[in-house]
Each structure stands twice: as structure tokens, then as C-alpha cells.
């Protein structure tokens, strides 16, 4: 994550790093994107980013050091492993999300991360948080803030292995999977 923040422009421009086709990596059900979450918490019906940020696991602590906005992480395919630590322990859950609510952050088609949007973000941040404009800007927070104004509820980005991860900053209804998330082959 730190490397990604330091090299933001390289990743937003270089198609060879991220590929150009998020859509082919997604599963759909009734026109919605299928997202998967794995948790040791039993019988979840709603994943709440505020609750999740208070119960961080080792694999998510590093993500929160880079950007502290409360969010919940999702895989985009059944059986997907985290590229850093492998399998996540727990039960599988499924969410269905309108594809228009997920922003392809690495492609950044609306240019939320670009320097010409910084002034707009700084004004919003000053009004919202009272944080002076001379404080550093976290690019992920800038993109999340600006994209949320356009109705996005989360964004998707590539893992090192080419799989997608989705970070949602709104409450997400989920249903428990009937099958085991990591099927043995």
C-alpha cells in the first residue's frame, strides 16, 4: 500500500501494471457485482465499516496505516486468496452491489487523483474536518471523498497477483454462503 501511494501516478497511467479490463474479472448476478467477504464473526447480516475498523485483524492493520478511513474489504471471486497472506480464516459471506457504485480507482477515469482536483478536495476537507489546507493529502482519501460525492460507495483495485479487491466505506448487506469459501480441489 505504501508503495502504491508513493507511485500513484505510475499506477493510474501504466495499463501494463493493472490491466485494462476490470469488468472481465468480476462476477455478476442479476446485474449486480458479486463480492465476497471472509470473517470469523458469526451470523453477519450487515458489514459496517465503523465496526470493522474497531476490530482490525493483522492483515488489515497495514492497510489502515496507509489510509485510516473505515472500510470493509471484499474479494471479487469465490476462493480468492489475499496476495500477501493467502487464505483468510472464517466463514464466507456474499454481497450484491450495483456496478455503478464501484469506482475503478487504478484507472481513475474521472481523474479524482489528479492535481487539478486537489483544491476542490482541500476545500471539502476544510469544511468537513476543519483540517487546514497545508496538511498533506492522502490520495486515497481524496479519491474516496470526491467519488462519494458522485455516488460511489467503494472502489476496486488490483492485488499484486492481478486479482481485484474492493474496499467499501458504506454499510453493506451480506448473506452467509452455504458452501465453504475455500473449496478443496
N, C-alpha and C. Protein backbone atom coordinates (compact mmCIF):
# COMPACT_ATOMS: atom_id res chain seq x y z
N UNK A 1 0.83 -1.19 0.00
CA UNK A 1 0.00 0.00 0.00
C UNK A 1 0.87 1.25 0.00
N UNK A 2 1.91 1.27 0.83
CA UNK A 2 2.79 2.43 0.88
C UNK A 2 3.40 2.69 -0.50
N UNK A 3 3.88 1.62 -1.13
CA UNK A 3 4.46 1.73 -2.46
C UNK A 3 3.44 2.27 -3.45
N UNK A 4 2.19 1.83 -3.32
CA UNK A 4 1.14 2.29 -4.20
C UNK A 4 0.90 3.78 -4.03
N UNK A 5 0.86 4.25 -2.78
CA UNK A 5 0.66 5.67 -2.55
C UNK A 5 1.81 6.50 -3.11
N UNK A 6 3.03 6.01 -2.94
CA UNK A 6 4.19 6.74 -3.42
C UNK A 6 4.26 6.78 -4.94
N UNK A 7 3.70 5.79 -5.60
CA UNK A 7 3.78 5.70 -7.06
C UNK A 7 2.40 5.82 -7.71
N UNK A 8 1.52 6.60 -7.11
CA UNK A 8 0.14 6.70 -7.56
C UNK A 8 0.03 6.98 -9.06
N UNK A 9 0.72 7.99 -9.55
CA UNK A 9 0.58 8.35 -10.96
C UNK A 9 1.05 7.24 -11.88
N UNK A 10 2.11 6.53 -11.52
CA UNK A 10 2.57 5.42 -12.34
C UNK A 10 1.46 4.38 -12.49
N UNK A 11 0.79 4.06 -11.38
CA UNK A 11 -0.24 3.03 -11.41
C UNK A 11 -1.50 3.51 -12.11
N UNK A 12 -1.82 4.79 -12.05
CA UNK A 12 -3.03 5.26 -12.71
C UNK A 12 -2.85 5.38 -14.21
N UNK A 13 -1.63 5.49 -14.66
CA UNK A 13 -1.37 5.68 -16.08
C UNK A 13 -0.92 4.39 -16.76
N UNK A 14 -0.10 3.58 -16.12
CA UNK A 14 0.52 2.42 -16.74
C UNK A 14 -0.45 1.24 -16.78
N UNK A 15 -1.09 1.03 -17.92
CA UNK A 15 -2.07 -0.05 -18.08
C UNK A 15 -1.44 -1.42 -17.90
N UNK A 16 -0.13 -1.57 -18.16
CA UNK A 16 0.50 -2.89 -18.01
C UNK A 16 0.55 -3.32 -16.55
N UNK A 17 0.51 -2.37 -15.62
CA UNK A 17 0.53 -2.70 -14.20
C UNK A 17 -0.81 -3.25 -13.75
N UNK A 18 -1.90 -2.69 -14.23
CA UNK A 18 -3.22 -3.07 -13.71
C UNK A 18 -4.11 -3.77 -14.70
N UNK A 19 -3.77 -3.77 -15.93
CA UNK A 19 -4.68 -4.34 -16.93
C UNK A 19 -5.78 -3.32 -17.21
N UNK A 20 -6.47 -3.51 -18.29
CA UNK A 20 -7.44 -2.52 -18.70
C UNK A 20 -8.87 -3.03 -18.61
N UNK A 21 -9.06 -4.19 -17.99
CA UNK A 21 -10.37 -4.80 -18.07
C UNK A 21 -10.85 -5.32 -16.71
N UNK A 22 -11.28 -4.42 -15.83
CA UNK A 22 -11.82 -4.83 -14.55
C UNK A 22 -13.06 -5.70 -14.74
N UNK A 23 -13.88 -5.33 -15.69
CA UNK A 23 -15.18 -5.97 -15.86
C UNK A 23 -15.07 -7.48 -16.07
N UNK A 24 -14.05 -7.93 -16.79
CA UNK A 24 -13.90 -9.36 -17.04
C UNK A 24 -13.48 -10.13 -15.79
N UNK A 25 -13.00 -9.44 -14.78
CA UNK A 25 -12.57 -10.07 -13.53
C UNK A 25 -13.69 -10.13 -12.50
N UNK A 26 -14.86 -9.60 -12.83
CA UNK A 26 -15.97 -9.55 -11.88
C UNK A 26 -17.01 -10.62 -12.17
N UNK A 27 -17.66 -11.10 -11.11
CA UNK A 27 -18.81 -11.99 -11.25
C UNK A 27 -20.06 -11.14 -11.14
N UNK A 28 -21.10 -11.51 -11.89
CA UNK A 28 -22.36 -10.78 -11.85
C UNK A 28 -23.50 -11.73 -11.52
N UNK A 29 -24.48 -11.21 -10.81
CA UNK A 29 -25.70 -11.95 -10.50
C UNK A 29 -26.86 -10.96 -10.56
N UNK A 30 -27.79 -11.20 -11.45
CA UNK A 30 -28.94 -10.29 -11.64
C UNK A 30 -28.51 -8.84 -11.85
N UNK A 31 -27.44 -8.64 -12.63
CA UNK A 31 -26.96 -7.30 -12.95
C UNK A 31 -26.12 -6.65 -11.87
N UNK A 32 -25.91 -7.33 -10.77
CA UNK A 32 -25.11 -6.79 -9.65
C UNK A 32 -23.76 -7.49 -9.61
N UNK A 33 -22.76 -6.79 -9.09
CA UNK A 33 -21.44 -7.38 -8.90
C UNK A 33 -21.48 -8.21 -7.62
N UNK A 34 -20.96 -9.43 -7.70
CA UNK A 34 -20.88 -10.30 -6.54
C UNK A 34 -19.56 -10.04 -5.83
N UNK A 35 -19.65 -9.73 -4.54
CA UNK A 35 -18.46 -9.53 -3.71
C UNK A 35 -18.48 -10.54 -2.58
N UNK A 36 -17.29 -10.95 -2.15
CA UNK A 36 -17.15 -11.95 -1.09
C UNK A 36 -16.33 -11.38 0.06
N UNK A 37 -16.75 -11.72 1.26
CA UNK A 37 -16.04 -11.31 2.46
C UNK A 37 -15.86 -12.55 3.33
N UNK A 38 -14.73 -12.65 4.00
CA UNK A 38 -14.48 -13.76 4.91
C UNK A 38 -14.27 -13.17 6.30
N UNK A 39 -14.98 -13.74 7.29
CA UNK A 39 -14.90 -13.21 8.65
C UNK A 39 -15.04 -14.34 9.66
N UNK A 40 -14.38 -14.16 10.80
CA UNK A 40 -14.54 -15.10 11.90
C UNK A 40 -15.77 -14.74 12.74
N UNK A 41 -16.36 -13.59 12.50
CA UNK A 41 -17.58 -13.20 13.19
C UNK A 41 -18.74 -14.00 12.62
N UNK A 42 -19.55 -14.57 13.49
CA UNK A 42 -20.67 -15.43 13.08
C UNK A 42 -21.91 -14.61 12.75
N UNK A 43 -22.69 -15.13 11.81
CA UNK A 43 -24.03 -14.62 11.50
C UNK A 43 -24.10 -13.12 11.24
N UNK A 44 -23.29 -12.66 10.34
CA UNK A 44 -23.29 -11.25 9.94
C UNK A 44 -24.42 -11.03 8.93
N UNK A 45 -25.15 -9.94 9.06
CA UNK A 45 -26.14 -9.58 8.05
C UNK A 45 -25.79 -8.25 7.38
N UNK A 46 -25.01 -7.43 8.08
CA UNK A 46 -24.54 -6.15 7.52
C UNK A 46 -23.08 -5.97 7.93
N UNK A 47 -22.24 -5.65 6.95
CA UNK A 47 -20.85 -5.32 7.25
C UNK A 47 -20.76 -3.80 7.38
N UNK A 48 -20.38 -3.36 8.56
CA UNK A 48 -20.31 -1.94 8.89
C UNK A 48 -18.85 -1.52 8.97
N UNK A 49 -18.41 -0.59 8.13
CA UNK A 49 -17.01 -0.16 8.15
C UNK A 49 -16.55 0.38 9.51
N UNK A 50 -17.42 1.05 10.23
CA UNK A 50 -17.05 1.58 11.55
C UNK A 50 -16.72 0.42 12.49
N UNK A 51 -17.59 -0.59 12.51
CA UNK A 51 -17.35 -1.77 13.35
C UNK A 51 -16.07 -2.48 12.91
N UNK A 52 -15.89 -2.63 11.61
CA UNK A 52 -14.70 -3.33 11.09
C UNK A 52 -13.42 -2.62 11.49
N UNK A 53 -13.42 -1.29 11.47
CA UNK A 53 -12.20 -0.55 11.79
C UNK A 53 -11.83 -0.68 13.27
N UNK A 54 -12.79 -1.04 14.11
CA UNK A 54 -12.51 -1.22 15.54
C UNK A 54 -12.06 -2.64 15.85
N UNK A 55 -12.18 -3.54 14.89
CA UNK A 55 -11.83 -4.94 15.09
C UNK A 55 -10.85 -5.42 14.03
N UNK A 56 -9.78 -4.67 13.86
CA UNK A 56 -8.81 -4.98 12.81
C UNK A 56 -8.07 -6.28 13.08
N UNK A 57 -7.88 -7.04 12.05
CA UNK A 57 -7.05 -8.25 12.09
C UNK A 57 -5.66 -7.87 11.59
N UNK A 58 -4.72 -8.74 11.78
CA UNK A 58 -3.34 -8.45 11.38
C UNK A 58 -3.26 -8.06 9.91
N UNK A 59 -4.00 -8.75 9.04
CA UNK A 59 -3.89 -8.47 7.61
C UNK A 59 -4.46 -7.11 7.22
N UNK A 60 -5.30 -6.52 8.04
CA UNK A 60 -5.86 -5.22 7.66
C UNK A 60 -5.17 -4.06 8.36
N UNK A 61 -4.37 -4.31 9.37
CA UNK A 61 -3.71 -3.22 10.09
C UNK A 61 -2.78 -2.42 9.18
N UNK A 62 -2.05 -3.09 8.31
CA UNK A 62 -1.17 -2.40 7.38
C UNK A 62 -1.94 -1.50 6.43
N UNK A 63 -3.09 -1.97 5.98
CA UNK A 63 -3.94 -1.17 5.10
C UNK A 63 -4.38 0.11 5.81
N UNK A 64 -4.69 0.01 7.09
CA UNK A 64 -5.16 1.18 7.84
C UNK A 64 -4.04 2.14 8.19
N UNK A 65 -2.80 1.68 8.22
CA UNK A 65 -1.68 2.61 8.43
C UNK A 65 -1.54 3.53 7.22
N UNK A 66 -1.81 3.00 6.03
CA UNK A 66 -1.68 3.80 4.81
C UNK A 66 -2.87 4.75 4.64
N UNK A 67 -4.03 4.34 5.14
CA UNK A 67 -5.24 5.16 4.95
C UNK A 67 -6.25 4.73 6.00
N UNK A 68 -6.66 5.65 6.87
CA UNK A 68 -7.45 5.27 8.04
C UNK A 68 -8.96 5.38 7.89
N UNK A 69 -9.47 5.68 6.71
CA UNK A 69 -10.92 5.73 6.53
C UNK A 69 -11.52 4.35 6.84
N UNK A 70 -12.56 4.27 7.67
CA UNK A 70 -13.19 2.97 7.92
C UNK A 70 -13.73 2.38 6.61
N UNK A 71 -13.43 1.10 6.40
CA UNK A 71 -13.87 0.42 5.20
C UNK A 71 -13.83 -1.09 5.42
N UNK A 72 -14.53 -1.79 4.58
CA UNK A 72 -14.57 -3.25 4.62
C UNK A 72 -14.02 -3.75 3.30
N UNK A 73 -13.21 -4.79 3.37
CA UNK A 73 -12.57 -5.35 2.18
C UNK A 73 -13.33 -6.56 1.68
N UNK A 74 -13.41 -6.66 0.36
CA UNK A 74 -14.10 -7.77 -0.29
C UNK A 74 -13.22 -8.36 -1.39
N UNK A 75 -13.37 -9.67 -1.58
CA UNK A 75 -12.80 -10.33 -2.74
C UNK A 75 -13.83 -10.28 -3.86
N UNK A 76 -13.37 -10.53 -5.09
CA UNK A 76 -14.29 -10.50 -6.22
C UNK A 76 -14.53 -11.88 -6.83
N UNK A 77 -13.94 -12.90 -6.24
CA UNK A 77 -14.23 -14.25 -6.72
C UNK A 77 -14.16 -15.23 -5.56
N UNK A 78 -14.96 -16.27 -5.67
CA UNK A 78 -15.02 -17.31 -4.66
C UNK A 78 -13.66 -18.01 -4.55
N UNK A 79 -13.19 -18.20 -3.33
CA UNK A 79 -11.92 -18.88 -3.11
C UNK A 79 -10.70 -18.00 -3.28
N UNK A 80 -10.88 -16.71 -3.51
CA UNK A 80 -9.75 -15.80 -3.73
C UNK A 80 -8.92 -15.68 -2.46
N UNK A 81 -7.62 -15.67 -2.63
CA UNK A 81 -6.69 -15.52 -1.51
C UNK A 81 -6.14 -14.10 -1.51
N UNK A 82 -5.80 -13.62 -0.35
CA UNK A 82 -5.11 -12.34 -0.24
C UNK A 82 -3.71 -12.54 -0.80
N UNK A 83 -3.26 -11.63 -1.63
CA UNK A 83 -1.96 -11.81 -2.30
C UNK A 83 -0.79 -11.75 -1.32
N UNK A 84 -0.99 -11.17 -0.14
CA UNK A 84 0.10 -11.08 0.83
C UNK A 84 0.13 -12.24 1.82
N UNK A 85 -1.05 -12.67 2.30
CA UNK A 85 -1.06 -13.66 3.37
C UNK A 85 -1.75 -14.97 3.02
N UNK A 86 -2.36 -15.05 1.86
CA UNK A 86 -3.02 -16.29 1.46
C UNK A 86 -4.47 -16.35 1.92
N UNK A 87 -4.88 -17.51 2.42
CA UNK A 87 -6.26 -17.70 2.85
C UNK A 87 -6.57 -16.89 4.11
N UNK A 88 -7.78 -16.35 4.13
CA UNK A 88 -8.28 -15.65 5.31
C UNK A 88 -9.14 -16.65 6.09
N UNK A 89 -8.99 -16.69 7.39
CA UNK A 89 -9.76 -17.61 8.21
C UNK A 89 -11.17 -17.08 8.44
N UNK A 90 -12.14 -17.98 8.47
CA UNK A 90 -13.50 -17.59 8.80
C UNK A 90 -14.52 -18.14 7.82
N UNK A 91 -15.72 -17.63 7.95
CA UNK A 91 -16.86 -18.02 7.11
C UNK A 91 -17.00 -17.04 5.96
N UNK A 92 -17.54 -17.55 4.86
CA UNK A 92 -17.74 -16.72 3.68
C UNK A 92 -19.09 -16.03 3.66
N UNK A 93 -19.10 -14.82 3.18
CA UNK A 93 -20.32 -14.02 3.01
C UNK A 93 -20.34 -13.44 1.61
N UNK A 94 -21.53 -13.16 1.11
CA UNK A 94 -21.69 -12.64 -0.25
C UNK A 94 -22.52 -11.36 -0.20
N UNK A 95 -22.12 -10.39 -1.02
CA UNK A 95 -22.88 -9.15 -1.18
C UNK A 95 -23.11 -8.91 -2.67
N UNK A 96 -24.21 -8.30 -2.99
CA UNK A 96 -24.51 -7.90 -4.37
C UNK A 96 -24.54 -6.38 -4.42
N UNK A 97 -23.69 -5.82 -5.27
CA UNK A 97 -23.51 -4.36 -5.34
C UNK A 97 -23.75 -3.88 -6.76
N UNK A 98 -24.43 -2.78 -6.88
CA UNK A 98 -24.63 -2.14 -8.18
C UNK A 98 -23.26 -1.78 -8.74
N UNK A 99 -22.94 -2.20 -9.96
CA UNK A 99 -21.61 -1.92 -10.51
C UNK A 99 -21.31 -0.42 -10.63
N UNK A 100 -22.35 0.39 -10.74
CA UNK A 100 -22.14 1.84 -10.84
C UNK A 100 -21.72 2.46 -9.52
N UNK A 101 -21.69 1.68 -8.44
CA UNK A 101 -21.29 2.18 -7.12
C UNK A 101 -19.83 1.89 -6.81
N UNK A 102 -19.15 1.16 -7.72
CA UNK A 102 -17.75 0.79 -7.53
C UNK A 102 -16.86 1.57 -8.49
N UNK A 103 -15.95 2.32 -7.93
CA UNK A 103 -15.06 3.14 -8.75
C UNK A 103 -13.77 2.39 -9.06
N UNK A 104 -13.37 2.31 -10.34
CA UNK A 104 -12.10 1.66 -10.70
C UNK A 104 -10.93 2.60 -10.39
N UNK A 105 -10.49 2.57 -9.15
CA UNK A 105 -9.55 3.57 -8.65
C UNK A 105 -8.23 3.62 -9.41
N UNK A 106 -7.72 2.48 -9.85
CA UNK A 106 -6.44 2.50 -10.53
C UNK A 106 -6.53 3.09 -11.94
N UNK A 107 -7.66 2.94 -12.58
CA UNK A 107 -7.86 3.56 -13.90
C UNK A 107 -8.20 5.04 -13.74
N UNK A 108 -8.89 5.38 -12.66
CA UNK A 108 -9.25 6.75 -12.31
C UNK A 108 -9.84 7.55 -13.49
N UNK A 109 -10.91 7.02 -14.12
CA UNK A 109 -11.46 7.67 -15.30
C UNK A 109 -12.02 9.08 -15.06
N UNK A 110 -12.42 9.38 -13.85
CA UNK A 110 -12.93 10.73 -13.56
C UNK A 110 -11.86 11.64 -12.98
N UNK A 111 -10.63 11.14 -12.95
CA UNK A 111 -9.46 11.93 -12.58
C UNK A 111 -9.53 12.50 -11.16
N UNK A 112 -10.09 11.74 -10.24
CA UNK A 112 -10.19 12.21 -8.86
C UNK A 112 -8.82 12.40 -8.21
N UNK A 113 -7.82 11.66 -8.64
CA UNK A 113 -6.50 11.75 -8.03
C UNK A 113 -5.61 12.82 -8.65
N UNK A 114 -6.07 13.46 -9.68
CA UNK A 114 -5.22 14.39 -10.41
C UNK A 114 -5.05 15.72 -9.67
N UNK A 115 -3.90 16.37 -9.89
CA UNK A 115 -3.61 17.62 -9.17
C UNK A 115 -4.67 18.71 -9.33
N UNK A 116 -5.35 18.76 -10.48
CA UNK A 116 -6.36 19.80 -10.67
C UNK A 116 -7.59 19.60 -9.78
N UNK A 117 -7.73 18.45 -9.12
CA UNK A 117 -8.84 18.19 -8.21
C UNK A 117 -8.48 18.45 -6.75
N UNK A 118 -7.19 18.69 -6.49
CA UNK A 118 -6.70 18.85 -5.12
C UNK A 118 -7.34 20.04 -4.41
N UNK A 119 -7.45 21.16 -5.10
CA UNK A 119 -8.03 22.35 -4.46
C UNK A 119 -9.48 22.09 -4.03
N UNK A 120 -10.24 21.44 -4.90
CA UNK A 120 -11.62 21.08 -4.59
C UNK A 120 -11.67 20.21 -3.33
N UNK A 121 -10.80 19.21 -3.27
CA UNK A 121 -10.76 18.32 -2.11
C UNK A 121 -10.36 19.09 -0.85
N UNK A 122 -9.35 19.93 -0.94
CA UNK A 122 -8.90 20.67 0.24
C UNK A 122 -10.00 21.56 0.81
N UNK A 123 -10.81 22.14 -0.05
CA UNK A 123 -11.94 22.96 0.42
C UNK A 123 -12.99 22.09 1.13
N UNK A 124 -13.26 20.93 0.58
CA UNK A 124 -14.20 19.99 1.21
C UNK A 124 -13.67 19.55 2.56
N UNK A 125 -12.41 19.17 2.59
CA UNK A 125 -11.79 18.69 3.84
C UNK A 125 -11.80 19.77 4.91
N UNK A 126 -11.52 21.02 4.53
CA UNK A 126 -11.53 22.13 5.48
C UNK A 126 -12.92 22.30 6.09
N UNK A 127 -13.96 22.26 5.24
CA UNK A 127 -15.35 22.41 5.74
C UNK A 127 -15.77 21.20 6.57
N UNK A 128 -15.42 20.02 6.11
CA UNK A 128 -15.85 18.78 6.76
C UNK A 128 -15.11 18.52 8.07
N UNK A 129 -13.77 18.67 8.05
CA UNK A 129 -12.94 18.26 9.18
C UNK A 129 -12.27 19.43 9.89
N UNK A 130 -12.30 20.61 9.28
CA UNK A 130 -11.58 21.74 9.86
C UNK A 130 -10.07 21.62 9.71
N UNK A 131 -9.64 20.73 8.83
CA UNK A 131 -8.22 20.48 8.64
C UNK A 131 -7.64 21.49 7.65
N UNK A 132 -6.63 22.21 8.08
CA UNK A 132 -6.02 23.27 7.26
C UNK A 132 -5.50 22.71 5.94
N UNK A 133 -5.51 23.55 4.93
CA UNK A 133 -5.12 23.12 3.58
C UNK A 133 -3.64 22.78 3.45
N UNK A 134 -2.80 23.22 4.38
CA UNK A 134 -1.38 22.92 4.27
C UNK A 134 -1.02 21.52 4.75
N UNK A 135 -1.95 20.80 5.38
CA UNK A 135 -1.68 19.43 5.79
C UNK A 135 -1.61 18.53 4.55
N UNK A 136 -0.79 17.49 4.61
CA UNK A 136 -0.64 16.61 3.44
C UNK A 136 -1.97 15.96 3.04
N UNK A 137 -2.05 15.64 1.77
CA UNK A 137 -3.25 14.99 1.22
C UNK A 137 -2.97 13.50 1.05
N UNK A 138 -3.85 12.67 1.59
CA UNK A 138 -3.80 11.24 1.33
C UNK A 138 -4.60 11.02 0.05
N UNK A 139 -3.96 10.52 -0.97
CA UNK A 139 -4.60 10.39 -2.28
C UNK A 139 -5.83 9.50 -2.23
N UNK A 140 -5.75 8.40 -1.47
CA UNK A 140 -6.92 7.52 -1.36
C UNK A 140 -8.11 8.26 -0.74
N UNK A 141 -7.84 9.05 0.29
CA UNK A 141 -8.94 9.79 0.92
C UNK A 141 -9.51 10.83 -0.04
N UNK A 142 -8.64 11.47 -0.80
CA UNK A 142 -9.10 12.45 -1.78
C UNK A 142 -10.01 11.78 -2.81
N UNK A 143 -9.58 10.63 -3.33
CA UNK A 143 -10.38 9.92 -4.33
C UNK A 143 -11.69 9.44 -3.72
N UNK A 144 -11.64 8.90 -2.50
CA UNK A 144 -12.87 8.41 -1.85
C UNK A 144 -13.84 9.56 -1.61
N UNK A 145 -13.36 10.68 -1.13
CA UNK A 145 -14.21 11.83 -0.86
C UNK A 145 -14.88 12.35 -2.13
N UNK A 146 -14.08 12.55 -3.16
CA UNK A 146 -14.63 13.08 -4.42
C UNK A 146 -15.55 12.07 -5.11
N UNK A 147 -15.18 10.80 -5.08
CA UNK A 147 -16.02 9.81 -5.73
C UNK A 147 -17.33 9.60 -4.97
N UNK A 148 -17.31 9.71 -3.65
CA UNK A 148 -18.54 9.59 -2.86
C UNK A 148 -19.53 10.70 -3.22
N UNK A 149 -19.03 11.88 -3.54
CA UNK A 149 -19.91 12.97 -3.97
C UNK A 149 -20.64 12.63 -5.26
N UNK A 150 -20.04 11.75 -6.07
CA UNK A 150 -20.67 11.30 -7.32
C UNK A 150 -21.45 10.00 -7.14
N UNK A 151 -21.64 9.57 -5.89
CA UNK A 151 -22.47 8.40 -5.62
C UNK A 151 -21.75 7.07 -5.49
N UNK A 152 -20.43 7.06 -5.59
CA UNK A 152 -19.69 5.81 -5.41
C UNK A 152 -19.67 5.44 -3.93
N UNK A 153 -19.68 4.14 -3.66
CA UNK A 153 -19.69 3.63 -2.29
C UNK A 153 -18.43 2.87 -1.92
N UNK A 154 -17.57 2.69 -2.89
CA UNK A 154 -16.31 1.99 -2.67
C UNK A 154 -15.51 1.97 -3.95
N UNK A 155 -14.29 1.45 -3.86
CA UNK A 155 -13.54 1.30 -5.08
C UNK A 155 -12.82 -0.03 -5.15
N UNK A 156 -12.49 -0.38 -6.39
CA UNK A 156 -11.81 -1.65 -6.65
C UNK A 156 -10.42 -1.36 -7.18
N UNK A 157 -9.51 -2.26 -6.79
CA UNK A 157 -8.13 -2.11 -7.23
C UNK A 157 -7.48 -3.49 -7.33
N UNK A 158 -6.39 -3.56 -8.08
CA UNK A 158 -5.69 -4.81 -8.29
C UNK A 158 -4.81 -5.17 -7.11
N UNK A 159 -4.77 -6.48 -6.82
CA UNK A 159 -3.75 -7.00 -5.92
C UNK A 159 -2.51 -7.27 -6.76
N UNK A 160 -1.43 -7.60 -6.10
CA UNK A 160 -0.17 -7.88 -6.81
C UNK A 160 -0.30 -9.04 -7.78
N UNK A 161 -1.20 -9.97 -7.50
CA UNK A 161 -1.35 -11.16 -8.35
C UNK A 161 -2.37 -10.96 -9.48
N UNK A 162 -2.92 -9.75 -9.61
CA UNK A 162 -3.88 -9.47 -10.68
C UNK A 162 -5.33 -9.63 -10.28
N UNK A 163 -5.60 -10.25 -9.11
CA UNK A 163 -6.98 -10.32 -8.62
C UNK A 163 -7.42 -8.93 -8.14
N UNK A 164 -8.72 -8.76 -8.03
CA UNK A 164 -9.26 -7.48 -7.56
C UNK A 164 -9.67 -7.56 -6.10
N UNK A 165 -9.53 -6.44 -5.43
CA UNK A 165 -10.04 -6.23 -4.07
C UNK A 165 -10.98 -5.03 -4.16
N UNK A 166 -12.04 -5.08 -3.37
CA UNK A 166 -12.96 -3.94 -3.29
C UNK A 166 -12.96 -3.44 -1.85
N UNK A 167 -12.83 -2.14 -1.67
CA UNK A 167 -12.94 -1.51 -0.36
C UNK A 167 -14.22 -0.69 -0.37
N UNK A 168 -15.13 -1.00 0.54
CA UNK A 168 -16.42 -0.29 0.65
C UNK A 168 -16.41 0.55 1.92
N UNK A 169 -16.85 1.79 1.83
CA UNK A 169 -16.89 2.67 3.00
C UNK A 169 -18.32 2.94 3.48
N UNK A 170 -19.27 2.16 3.00
CA UNK A 170 -20.66 2.24 3.46
C UNK A 170 -21.06 0.88 4.03
N UNK A 171 -22.14 0.84 4.80
CA UNK A 171 -22.65 -0.44 5.30
C UNK A 171 -23.12 -1.28 4.11
N UNK A 172 -22.81 -2.56 4.17
CA UNK A 172 -23.13 -3.46 3.06
C UNK A 172 -23.90 -4.67 3.59
N UNK A 173 -25.13 -4.88 3.11
CA UNK A 173 -25.85 -6.10 3.49
C UNK A 173 -25.20 -7.33 2.86
N UNK A 174 -25.08 -8.39 3.64
CA UNK A 174 -24.47 -9.63 3.16
C UNK A 174 -25.33 -10.82 3.55
N UNK A 175 -25.09 -11.93 2.86
CA UNK A 175 -25.72 -13.19 3.25
C UNK A 175 -24.63 -14.23 3.39
N UNK A 176 -24.82 -15.13 4.33
CA UNK A 176 -23.85 -16.18 4.58
C UNK A 176 -23.86 -17.16 3.41
N UNK A 177 -22.68 -17.57 2.99
CA UNK A 177 -22.57 -18.57 1.93
C UNK A 177 -22.92 -19.94 2.48
N UNK A 178 -23.62 -20.73 1.70
CA UNK A 178 -23.96 -22.09 2.10
C UNK A 178 -22.77 -23.02 1.97
N UNK A 179 -21.86 -22.68 1.08
CA UNK A 179 -20.71 -23.55 0.87
C UNK A 179 -19.45 -22.93 1.52
N UNK A 180 -18.41 -23.70 1.56
CA UNK A 180 -17.16 -23.25 2.14
C UNK A 180 -16.49 -22.30 1.13
N UNK A 181 -15.97 -21.18 1.62
CA UNK A 181 -15.36 -20.18 0.74
C UNK A 181 -14.15 -20.75 0.00
N UNK A 182 -13.29 -21.47 0.69
CA UNK A 182 -12.14 -22.10 0.05
C UNK A 182 -12.43 -23.58 -0.16
N UNK A 183 -12.90 -23.92 -1.33
CA UNK A 183 -13.20 -25.32 -1.66
C UNK A 183 -11.90 -26.07 -1.92
N UNK A 184 -11.81 -27.26 -1.40
CA UNK A 184 -10.64 -28.12 -1.68
C UNK A 184 -10.85 -28.76 -3.04
N UNK A 185 -9.83 -28.78 -3.86
CA UNK A 185 -9.95 -29.35 -5.20
C UNK A 185 -9.48 -30.78 -5.23
